[in-house]
């Protein structure tokens, strides 16, 4: 195979569909209401989605609740480093940056880094498409 593989990958890949489940925790002793949360997804350190908004949630003392996010990262927004990872069948790193306004303050939090094997994901998708 010859040539630059990144433009070729762009003709084959529309984007990346992401379904992420975050765990939001209240480690305090009093219930807390978290208003609308805004999340941005970063791949290899670069923001690749517009803000994804999740509904407000009540958290009891010392409790946690899942927050589910769905986003599509268009191919054109994937950073060149991520495309290189896609074409090499390696690992892509994703991180969720969350923010909310609470009492006039802007609170932010970064998730742990998620590592995804692109080769395994593509193999699984291809098998599901051909019915194996």
C-alpha atoms as a PDB file:
ATOM      1  CA  UNK A   1       0.000   0.000   0.000  1.00  0.00           C
ATOM      2  CA  UNK A   2       1.371   3.417  -0.940  1.00  0.00           C
ATOM      3  CA  UNK A   3       0.520   7.047  -0.355  1.00  0.00           C
ATOM      4  CA  UNK A   4      -0.901   9.009   2.523  1.00  0.00           C
ATOM      5  CA  UNK A   5      -3.363   6.835   4.430  1.00  0.00           C
ATOM      6  CA  UNK A   6      -5.057   9.697   6.314  1.00  0.00           C
ATOM      7  CA  UNK A   7      -7.068  11.041   3.335  1.00  0.00           C
ATOM      8  CA  UNK A   8      -7.976   7.461   2.439  1.00  0.00           C
ATOM      9  CA  UNK A   9      -9.232   6.891   5.983  1.00  0.00           C
ATOM     10  CA  UNK A  10     -11.352  10.042   5.653  1.00  0.00           C
ATOM     11  CA  UNK A  11     -13.187   8.559   2.697  1.00  0.00           C
ATOM     12  CA  UNK A  12     -13.979   5.382   4.676  1.00  0.00           C
ATOM     13  CA  UNK A  13     -14.791   6.798   8.123  1.00  0.00           C
ATOM     14  CA  UNK A  14     -17.706   9.197   8.734  1.00  0.00           C
ATOM     15  CA  UNK A  15     -16.857   9.755  12.365  1.00  0.00           C
ATOM     16  CA  UNK A  16     -16.790   8.121  15.763  1.00  0.00           C
ATOM     17  CA  UNK A  17     -19.966   7.471  17.721  1.00  0.00           C
ATOM     18  CA  UNK A  18     -19.325   7.580  21.435  1.00  0.00           C
ATOM     19  CA  UNK A  19     -21.554   6.304  24.231  1.00  0.00           C
ATOM     20  CA  UNK A  20     -20.020   7.113  27.593  1.00  0.00           C
ATOM     21  CA  UNK A  21     -21.263   6.428  31.108  1.00  0.00           C
ATOM     22  CA  UNK A  22     -19.785   8.645  33.827  1.00  0.00           C
ATOM     23  CA  UNK A  23     -20.216   8.146  37.551  1.00  0.00           C
ATOM     24  CA  UNK A  24     -21.016  11.383  39.409  1.00  0.00           C
ATOM     25  CA  UNK A  25     -20.347  11.211  43.152  1.00  0.00           C
ATOM     26  CA  UNK A  26     -21.288  13.236  46.220  1.00  0.00           C
ATOM     27  CA  UNK A  27     -18.736  12.512  48.942  1.00  0.00           C
ATOM     28  CA  UNK A  28     -20.322  15.013  51.314  1.00  0.00           C
ATOM     29  CA  UNK A  29     -22.773  14.582  54.187  1.00  0.00           C
ATOM     30  CA  UNK A  30     -25.651  16.631  52.686  1.00  0.00           C
ATOM     31  CA  UNK A  31     -27.738  16.107  49.532  1.00  0.00           C
ATOM     32  CA  UNK A  32     -26.590  18.120  46.515  1.00  0.00           C
ATOM     33  CA  UNK A  33     -28.448  19.143  43.358  1.00  0.00           C
ATOM     34  CA  UNK A  34     -26.245  19.360  40.286  1.00  0.00           C
ATOM     35  CA  UNK A  35     -27.915  21.494  37.629  1.00  0.00           C
ATOM     36  CA  UNK A  36     -27.383  20.959  33.931  1.00  0.00           C
ATOM     37  CA  UNK A  37     -23.937  19.510  33.283  1.00  0.00           C
ATOM     38  CA  UNK A  38     -22.012  20.347  30.102  1.00  0.00           C
ATOM     39  CA  UNK A  39     -19.447  17.878  28.840  1.00  0.00           C
ATOM     40  CA  UNK A  40     -16.805  18.060  26.130  1.00  0.00           C
ATOM     41  CA  UNK A  41     -14.913  15.074  24.826  1.00  0.00           C
ATOM     42  CA  UNK A  42     -11.191  15.304  24.144  1.00  0.00           C
ATOM     43  CA  UNK A  43      -9.189  12.838  22.064  1.00  0.00           C
ATOM     44  CA  UNK A  44      -5.432  12.859  22.471  1.00  0.00           C
ATOM     45  CA  UNK A  45      -5.821  16.113  24.416  1.00  0.00           C
ATOM     46  CA  UNK A  46      -7.778  17.988  21.696  1.00  0.00           C
ATOM     47  CA  UNK A  47     -11.485  18.878  22.072  1.00  0.00           C
ATOM     48  CA  UNK A  48     -13.425  17.028  19.372  1.00  0.00           C
ATOM     49  CA  UNK A  49     -17.098  17.610  20.218  1.00  0.00           C
ATOM     50  CA  UNK A  50     -19.386  20.503  20.908  1.00  0.00           C
ATOM     51  CA  UNK A  51     -20.793  20.562  24.430  1.00  0.00           C
ATOM     52  CA  UNK A  52     -23.001  17.597  25.276  1.00  0.00           C
ATOM     53  CA  UNK A  53     -25.602  18.551  27.870  1.00  0.00           C
ATOM     54  CA  UNK A  54     -26.908  16.146  30.506  1.00  0.00           C
ATOM     55  CA  UNK A  55     -29.885  16.713  32.795  1.00  0.00           C
ATOM     56  CA  UNK A  56     -29.600  17.917  36.369  1.00  0.00           C
ATOM     57  CA  UNK A  57     -29.409  15.277  39.096  1.00  0.00           C
ATOM     58  CA  UNK A  58     -29.933  15.044  42.854  1.00  0.00           C
ATOM     59  CA  UNK A  59     -27.242  13.213  44.794  1.00  0.00           C
ATOM     60  CA  UNK A  60     -27.872  11.992  48.291  1.00  0.00           C
ATOM     61  CA  UNK A  61     -25.150  12.079  50.948  1.00  0.00           C
ATOM     62  CA  UNK A  62     -22.262   9.772  50.081  1.00  0.00           C
ATOM     63  CA  UNK A  63     -23.950   8.530  46.916  1.00  0.00           C
ATOM     64  CA  UNK A  64     -23.264   8.242  43.205  1.00  0.00           C
ATOM     65  CA  UNK A  65     -25.334   8.151  40.033  1.00  0.00           C
ATOM     66  CA  UNK A  66     -24.490   7.320  36.424  1.00  0.00           C
ATOM     67  CA  UNK A  67     -24.683  10.008  33.739  1.00  0.00           C
ATOM     68  CA  UNK A  68     -24.921   8.709  30.170  1.00  0.00           C
ATOM     69  CA  UNK A  69     -23.572  10.724  27.236  1.00  0.00           C
ATOM     70  CA  UNK A  70     -23.871  10.140  23.503  1.00  0.00           C
ATOM     71  CA  UNK A  71     -21.915  12.135  20.947  1.00  0.00           C
ATOM     72  CA  UNK A  72     -20.724  11.814  17.382  1.00  0.00           C
ATOM     73  CA  UNK A  73     -17.251  13.076  16.596  1.00  0.00           C
ATOM     74  CA  UNK A  74     -17.174  14.037  12.902  1.00  0.00           C
ATOM     75  CA  UNK A  75     -14.140  12.774  11.001  1.00  0.00           C
ATOM     76  CA  UNK A  76     -12.979  16.318  10.244  1.00  0.00           C
ATOM     77  CA  UNK A  77     -12.744  17.084  13.974  1.00  0.00           C
ATOM     78  CA  UNK A  78     -10.519  14.152  14.857  1.00  0.00           C
ATOM     79  CA  UNK A  79      -7.022  15.433  15.465  1.00  0.00           C
ATOM     80  CA  UNK A  80      -4.277  14.204  13.152  1.00  0.00           C
ATOM     81  CA  UNK A  81      -2.722  12.221  15.992  1.00  0.00           C
ATOM     82  CA  UNK A  82      -5.982  10.320  16.503  1.00  0.00           C
ATOM     83  CA  UNK A  83      -6.199   9.590  12.770  1.00  0.00           C
ATOM     84  CA  UNK A  84      -2.701   8.187  12.864  1.00  0.00           C
ATOM     85  CA  UNK A  85      -3.803   5.934  15.723  1.00  0.00           C
ATOM     86  CA  UNK A  86      -6.875   4.842  13.713  1.00  0.00           C
ATOM     87  CA  UNK A  87      -4.824   3.925  10.668  1.00  0.00           C
ATOM     88  CA  UNK A  88      -2.218   2.077  12.735  1.00  0.00           C
ATOM     89  CA  UNK A  89      -4.809   0.025  14.635  1.00  0.00           C
ATOM     90  CA  UNK A  90      -3.493   1.239  17.988  1.00  0.00           C
ATOM     91  CA  UNK A  91      -5.003   2.783  21.081  1.00  0.00           C
ATOM     92  CA  UNK A  92      -6.945   6.037  21.192  1.00  0.00           C
ATOM     93  CA  UNK A  93      -7.194   8.005  24.439  1.00  0.00           C
ATOM     94  CA  UNK A  94     -10.394   9.891  25.359  1.00  0.00           C
ATOM     95  CA  UNK A  95     -11.188  12.174  28.271  1.00  0.00           C
ATOM     96  CA  UNK A  96     -14.409  13.933  29.290  1.00  0.00           C
ATOM     97  CA  UNK A  97     -14.247  17.527  30.563  1.00  0.00           C
ATOM     98  CA  UNK A  98     -17.375  18.400  32.567  1.00  0.00           C
ATOM     99  CA  UNK A  99     -18.545  21.784  33.836  1.00  0.00           C
ATOM    100  CA  UNK A 100     -21.504  23.193  35.736  1.00  0.00           C
ATOM    101  CA  UNK A 101     -22.526  26.485  37.261  1.00  0.00           C
ATOM    102  CA  UNK A 102     -23.370  26.312  40.941  1.00  0.00           C
ATOM    103  CA  UNK A 103     -24.177  29.455  42.911  1.00  0.00           C
ATOM    104  CA  UNK A 104     -22.421  31.687  40.380  1.00  0.00           C
ATOM    105  CA  UNK A 105     -19.290  29.534  40.386  1.00  0.00           C
ATOM    106  CA  UNK A 106     -18.085  27.520  37.406  1.00  0.00           C
ATOM    107  CA  UNK A 107     -16.964  24.094  38.580  1.00  0.00           C
ATOM    108  CA  UNK A 108     -14.978  21.844  36.255  1.00  0.00           C
ATOM    109  CA  UNK A 109     -13.842  18.239  36.436  1.00  0.00           C
ATOM    110  CA  UNK A 110     -11.859  15.981  34.125  1.00  0.00           C
ATOM    111  CA  UNK A 111     -12.578  12.288  33.937  1.00  0.00           C
ATOM    112  CA  UNK A 112     -10.015   9.565  34.003  1.00  0.00           C
ATOM    113  CA  UNK A 113      -8.504   8.808  30.597  1.00  0.00           C
ATOM    114  CA  UNK A 114     -10.298   6.076  28.662  1.00  0.00           C
ATOM    115  CA  UNK A 115      -8.201   3.910  26.370  1.00  0.00           C
ATOM    116  CA  UNK A 116      -9.905   2.169  23.460  1.00  0.00           C
ATOM    117  CA  UNK A 117      -8.385  -0.382  21.121  1.00  0.00           C
ATOM    118  CA  UNK A 118      -9.413   0.819  17.701  1.00  0.00           C
ATOM    119  CA  UNK A 119      -8.424  -2.458  16.031  1.00  0.00           C
ATOM    120  CA  UNK A 120     -10.692  -4.480  18.343  1.00  0.00           C
ATOM    121  CA  UNK A 121     -13.562  -2.011  17.892  1.00  0.00           C
ATOM    122  CA  UNK A 122     -13.300  -2.076  14.085  1.00  0.00           C
ATOM    123  CA  UNK A 123     -13.017  -5.872  14.041  1.00  0.00           C
ATOM    124  CA  UNK A 124     -16.138  -6.182  16.204  1.00  0.00           C
ATOM    125  CA  UNK A 125     -18.072  -3.717  14.009  1.00  0.00           C
ATOM    126  CA  UNK A 126     -17.065  -5.458  10.777  1.00  0.00           C
ATOM    127  CA  UNK A 127     -18.098  -8.846  12.192  1.00  0.00           C
ATOM    128  CA  UNK A 128     -21.492  -7.437  13.197  1.00  0.00           C
ATOM    129  CA  UNK A 129     -21.971  -5.940   9.730  1.00  0.00           C
ATOM    130  CA  UNK A 130     -21.205  -9.191   7.910  1.00  0.00           C
ATOM    131  CA  UNK A 131     -23.256 -11.242  10.378  1.00  0.00           C
ATOM    132  CA  UNK A 132     -20.555 -13.230  12.150  1.00  0.00           C
END
